[in-house]
Amino acid sequence: MSLPELEEAIGKRKARQITDQLLDRQLITKTLELEKAKIKPKTLSYIKLIADREEIEVAKARLDKSRAYKQAELLEFLTGQTQPISISELRKRLNCSPVTIKALESRHLVSVERLRVRRDPLSHLSFTTSPPPVLTSSQ
C-alpha cells in the first residue's frame, strides 16, 4: 500500500504516526519509486479531403441549400489545398468551430488524422555561429 493511499484512508497525521512506529519496529520497509512520466507525445490534428470532386460539388450544393455556409466554406477552402492542413491553422484562417469539422467528418467528406510532432525544447533560443579558430602551423 502506498503512503498517499493510507493517508487518504485514515488521515495524514495518523498515517505518519503509524508508519513511523512500524518502521521503528522494522515491521515494514519504506521504498521509493519514480512516478510515471506525465509528459505524453505531442500530437496535432490534420484535416484533408477524402471525397472525390463530384461528391464535393454535390455536398457543397446541398450545404448551401440547407444554409450550412461554414461547412460549404470549409469544403471550398480544402479543395484548394494539396496537403493536409492542421486544424488549429484552419480554425484561425476560417474561424470555424470543431462542430463544423465533425459534421463534415461524419458525412465522410473529410478525414482528421492525429500526427505525432517532435518537441524542440530549444526552439525559443537563437544561436549565432562563430568562425572556426585559426590553426597554427604545427596543427
C-alpha atoms as a PDB file:
ATOM      1  CA  MET A   1       0.000   0.000   0.000  1.00  0.00           C
ATOM      2  CA  SER A   2       1.300   3.460  -0.778  1.00  0.00           C
ATOM      3  CA  LEU A   3       1.551   6.252   1.773  1.00  0.00           C
ATOM      4  CA  PRO A   4      -0.868   8.590  -0.083  1.00  0.00           C
ATOM      5  CA  GLU A   5      -3.491   5.810  -0.137  1.00  0.00           C
ATOM      6  CA  LEU A   6      -3.027   5.219   3.592  1.00  0.00           C
ATOM      7  CA  GLU A   7      -3.184   8.965   4.304  1.00  0.00           C
ATOM      8  CA  GLU A   8      -6.428   9.190   2.387  1.00  0.00           C
ATOM      9  CA  ALA A   9      -7.922   6.232   4.261  1.00  0.00           C
ATOM     10  CA  ILE A  10      -7.058   7.192   7.867  1.00  0.00           C
ATOM     11  CA  GLY A  11      -5.779  10.770   7.707  1.00  0.00           C
ATOM     12  CA  LYS A  12      -2.330  12.283   7.225  1.00  0.00           C
ATOM     13  CA  ARG A  13      -1.268  12.686  10.828  1.00  0.00           C
ATOM     14  CA  LYS A  14      -2.398   9.253  11.957  1.00  0.00           C
ATOM     15  CA  ALA A  15      -0.854   7.597   8.896  1.00  0.00           C
ATOM     16  CA  ARG A  16       2.516   9.234   9.580  1.00  0.00           C
ATOM     17  CA  GLN A  17       2.459   8.189  13.246  1.00  0.00           C
ATOM     18  CA  ILE A  18       1.586   4.579  12.461  1.00  0.00           C
ATOM     19  CA  THR A  19       4.119   4.234   9.650  1.00  0.00           C
ATOM     20  CA  ASP A  20       6.883   5.773  11.782  1.00  0.00           C
ATOM     21  CA  GLN A  21       6.145   3.305  14.610  1.00  0.00           C
ATOM     22  CA  LEU A  22       6.083   0.337  12.239  1.00  0.00           C
ATOM     23  CA  LEU A  23       9.342   1.489  10.629  1.00  0.00           C
ATOM     24  CA  ASP A  24      10.995   1.773  14.068  1.00  0.00           C
ATOM     25  CA  ARG A  25       9.935  -1.801  14.885  1.00  0.00           C
ATOM     26  CA  GLN A  26      11.112  -2.915  11.431  1.00  0.00           C
ATOM     27  CA  LEU A  27       7.726  -4.432  10.636  1.00  0.00           C
ATOM     28  CA  ILE A  28       7.531  -2.555   7.333  1.00  0.00           C
ATOM     29  CA  THR A  29      10.076  -1.220   4.882  1.00  0.00           C
ATOM     30  CA  LYS A  30       9.968   2.078   3.107  1.00  0.00           C
ATOM     31  CA  THR A  31      10.763   2.167  -0.606  1.00  0.00           C
ATOM     32  CA  LEU A  32      10.764   4.991  -3.092  1.00  0.00           C
ATOM     33  CA  GLU A  33       9.502   4.639  -6.642  1.00  0.00           C
ATOM     34  CA  LEU A  34       9.664   7.061  -9.514  1.00  0.00           C
ATOM     35  CA  GLU A  35       6.365   8.279 -10.871  1.00  0.00           C
ATOM     36  CA  LYS A  36       5.347   7.528 -14.404  1.00  0.00           C
ATOM     37  CA  ALA A  37       6.280  10.231 -16.867  1.00  0.00           C
ATOM     38  CA  LYS A  38       3.457  12.748 -17.135  1.00  0.00           C
ATOM     39  CA  ILE A  39       4.639  14.068 -20.472  1.00  0.00           C
ATOM     40  CA  LYS A  40       2.976  12.448 -23.441  1.00  0.00           C
ATOM     41  CA  PRO A  41       3.948  12.739 -27.084  1.00  0.00           C
ATOM     42  CA  LYS A  42       2.628  15.907 -28.678  1.00  0.00           C
ATOM     43  CA  THR A  43       0.115  15.278 -31.427  1.00  0.00           C
ATOM     44  CA  LEU A  44      -1.543  17.668 -33.848  1.00  0.00           C
ATOM     45  CA  SER A  45      -4.740  17.042 -35.769  1.00  0.00           C
ATOM     46  CA  TYR A  46      -4.604  17.436 -39.535  1.00  0.00           C
ATOM     47  CA  ILE A  47      -7.575  17.525 -41.887  1.00  0.00           C
ATOM     48  CA  LYS A  48      -7.750  16.521 -45.542  1.00  0.00           C
ATOM     49  CA  LEU A  49     -10.395  15.830 -48.162  1.00  0.00           C
ATOM     50  CA  ILE A  50     -11.212  12.188 -48.838  1.00  0.00           C
ATOM     51  CA  ALA A  51     -14.178  12.606 -51.186  1.00  0.00           C
ATOM     52  CA  ASP A  52     -13.821  12.976 -54.948  1.00  0.00           C
ATOM     53  CA  ARG A  53     -14.730  16.131 -56.917  1.00  0.00           C
ATOM     54  CA  GLU A  54     -18.282  15.037 -57.785  1.00  0.00           C
ATOM     55  CA  GLU A  55     -19.171  14.228 -54.173  1.00  0.00           C
ATOM     56  CA  ILE A  56     -17.745  17.551 -53.026  1.00  0.00           C
ATOM     57  CA  GLU A  57     -19.763  19.542 -55.581  1.00  0.00           C
ATOM     58  CA  VAL A  58     -22.970  17.711 -54.629  1.00  0.00           C
ATOM     59  CA  ALA A  59     -22.222  18.230 -50.928  1.00  0.00           C
ATOM     60  CA  LYS A  60     -21.500  21.956 -51.431  1.00  0.00           C
ATOM     61  CA  ALA A  61     -24.802  22.431 -53.272  1.00  0.00           C
ATOM     62  CA  ARG A  62     -26.672  20.559 -50.542  1.00  0.00           C
ATOM     63  CA  LEU A  63     -24.918  22.553 -47.787  1.00  0.00           C
ATOM     64  CA  ASP A  64     -25.693  25.893 -49.458  1.00  0.00           C
ATOM     65  CA  LYS A  65     -29.315  24.842 -49.810  1.00  0.00           C
ATOM     66  CA  SER A  66     -29.541  23.872 -46.125  1.00  0.00           C
ATOM     67  CA  ARG A  67     -27.766  27.117 -45.097  1.00  0.00           C
ATOM     68  CA  ALA A  68     -24.675  25.378 -43.688  1.00  0.00           C
ATOM     69  CA  TYR A  69     -22.428  28.112 -45.033  1.00  0.00           C
ATOM     70  CA  LYS A  70     -19.457  27.424 -42.746  1.00  0.00           C
ATOM     71  CA  GLN A  71     -19.311  23.796 -43.859  1.00  0.00           C
ATOM     72  CA  ALA A  72     -19.519  24.853 -47.500  1.00  0.00           C
ATOM     73  CA  GLU A  73     -16.786  27.447 -46.935  1.00  0.00           C
ATOM     74  CA  LEU A  74     -14.606  24.809 -45.280  1.00  0.00           C
ATOM     75  CA  LEU A  75     -15.092  22.410 -48.194  1.00  0.00           C
ATOM     76  CA  GLU A  76     -14.271  25.185 -50.671  1.00  0.00           C
ATOM     77  CA  PHE A  77     -11.075  26.027 -48.794  1.00  0.00           C
ATOM     78  CA  LEU A  78      -9.975  22.386 -48.571  1.00  0.00           C
ATOM     79  CA  THR A  79     -10.470  21.837 -52.312  1.00  0.00           C
ATOM     80  CA  GLY A  80      -7.722  24.393 -52.916  1.00  0.00           C
ATOM     81  CA  GLN A  81      -5.300  22.633 -50.548  1.00  0.00           C
ATOM     82  CA  THR A  82      -2.967  19.944 -51.844  1.00  0.00           C
ATOM     83  CA  GLN A  83      -1.531  18.965 -48.455  1.00  0.00           C
ATOM     84  CA  PRO A  84      -3.328  18.161 -45.192  1.00  0.00           C
ATOM     85  CA  ILE A  85      -3.658  21.284 -43.036  1.00  0.00           C
ATOM     86  CA  SER A  86      -3.576  21.465 -39.239  1.00  0.00           C
ATOM     87  CA  ILE A  87      -6.925  22.039 -37.614  1.00  0.00           C
ATOM     88  CA  SER A  88      -5.573  24.849 -35.432  1.00  0.00           C
ATOM     89  CA  GLU A  89      -4.357  26.752 -38.518  1.00  0.00           C
ATOM     90  CA  LEU A  90      -7.633  26.054 -40.309  1.00  0.00           C
ATOM     91  CA  ARG A  91      -9.659  27.391 -37.382  1.00  0.00           C
ATOM     92  CA  LYS A  92      -7.545  30.570 -37.316  1.00  0.00           C
ATOM     93  CA  ARG A  93      -7.947  31.177 -41.045  1.00  0.00           C
ATOM     94  CA  LEU A  94     -11.644  30.391 -41.431  1.00  0.00           C
ATOM     95  CA  ASN A  95     -12.893  30.977 -37.882  1.00  0.00           C
ATOM     96  CA  CYS A  96     -14.797  27.684 -37.930  1.00  0.00           C
ATOM     97  CA  SER A  97     -15.803  25.600 -34.936  1.00  0.00           C
ATOM     98  CA  PRO A  98     -14.893  21.966 -34.210  1.00  0.00           C
ATOM     99  CA  VAL A  99     -18.564  21.107 -34.740  1.00  0.00           C
ATOM    100  CA  THR A 100     -18.260  22.200 -38.377  1.00  0.00           C
ATOM    101  CA  ILE A 101     -15.310  19.868 -38.885  1.00  0.00           C
ATOM    102  CA  LYS A 102     -17.075  16.986 -37.103  1.00  0.00           C
ATOM    103  CA  ALA A 103     -20.143  17.428 -39.315  1.00  0.00           C
ATOM    104  CA  LEU A 104     -18.080  17.062 -42.494  1.00  0.00           C
ATOM    105  CA  GLU A 105     -16.180  14.146 -40.981  1.00  0.00           C
ATOM    106  CA  SER A 106     -19.436  12.343 -40.145  1.00  0.00           C
ATOM    107  CA  ARG A 107     -20.503  12.720 -43.797  1.00  0.00           C
ATOM    108  CA  HIS A 108     -17.193  11.111 -44.859  1.00  0.00           C
ATOM    109  CA  LEU A 109     -16.118  14.155 -46.855  1.00  0.00           C
ATOM    110  CA  VAL A 110     -13.001  14.916 -44.800  1.00  0.00           C
ATOM    111  CA  SER A 111     -10.623  12.890 -42.673  1.00  0.00           C
ATOM    112  CA  VAL A 112      -8.993  14.023 -39.424  1.00  0.00           C
ATOM    113  CA  GLU A 113      -5.670  12.395 -38.588  1.00  0.00           C
ATOM    114  CA  ARG A 114      -3.541  12.851 -35.480  1.00  0.00           C
ATOM    115  CA  LEU A 115       0.174  13.042 -36.219  1.00  0.00           C
ATOM    116  CA  ARG A 116       2.946  12.950 -33.641  1.00  0.00           C
ATOM    117  CA  VAL A 117       5.053  16.106 -33.602  1.00  0.00           C
ATOM    118  CA  ARG A 118       8.571  16.190 -32.254  1.00  0.00           C
ATOM    119  CA  ARG A 119       9.081  18.730 -29.476  1.00  0.00           C
ATOM    120  CA  ASP A 120      12.035  21.112 -29.649  1.00  0.00           C
ATOM    121  CA  PRO A 121      12.834  22.494 -26.191  1.00  0.00           C
ATOM    122  CA  LEU A 122      15.402  24.921 -27.628  1.00  0.00           C
ATOM    123  CA  SER A 123      13.179  26.425 -30.325  1.00  0.00           C
ATOM    124  CA  HIS A 124      12.840  29.736 -28.474  1.00  0.00           C
ATOM    125  CA  LEU A 125      16.626  30.233 -28.398  1.00  0.00           C
ATOM    126  CA  SER A 126      18.712  31.632 -31.234  1.00  0.00           C
ATOM    127  CA  PHE A 127      22.302  30.590 -31.688  1.00  0.00           C
ATOM    128  CA  THR A 128      24.917  32.658 -33.509  1.00  0.00           C
ATOM    129  CA  THR A 129      27.609  30.798 -35.342  1.00  0.00           C
ATOM    130  CA  SER A 130      31.197  31.746 -34.762  1.00  0.00           C
ATOM    131  CA  PRO A 131      34.052  31.277 -37.233  1.00  0.00           C
ATOM    132  CA  PRO A 132      36.320  28.288 -36.572  1.00  0.00           C
ATOM    133  CA  PRO A 133      39.571  29.028 -34.720  1.00  0.00           C
ATOM    134  CA  VAL A 134      42.700  29.650 -36.764  1.00  0.00           C
ATOM    135  CA  LEU A 135      45.032  26.670 -36.674  1.00  0.00           C
ATOM    136  CA  THR A 136      48.737  27.057 -36.091  1.00  0.00           C
ATOM    137  CA  SER A 137      51.327  25.627 -38.480  1.00  0.00           C
ATOM    138  CA  SER A 138      52.065  22.697 -36.135  1.00  0.00           C
ATOM    139  CA  GLN A 139      48.430  21.685 -36.041  1.00  0.00           C
END
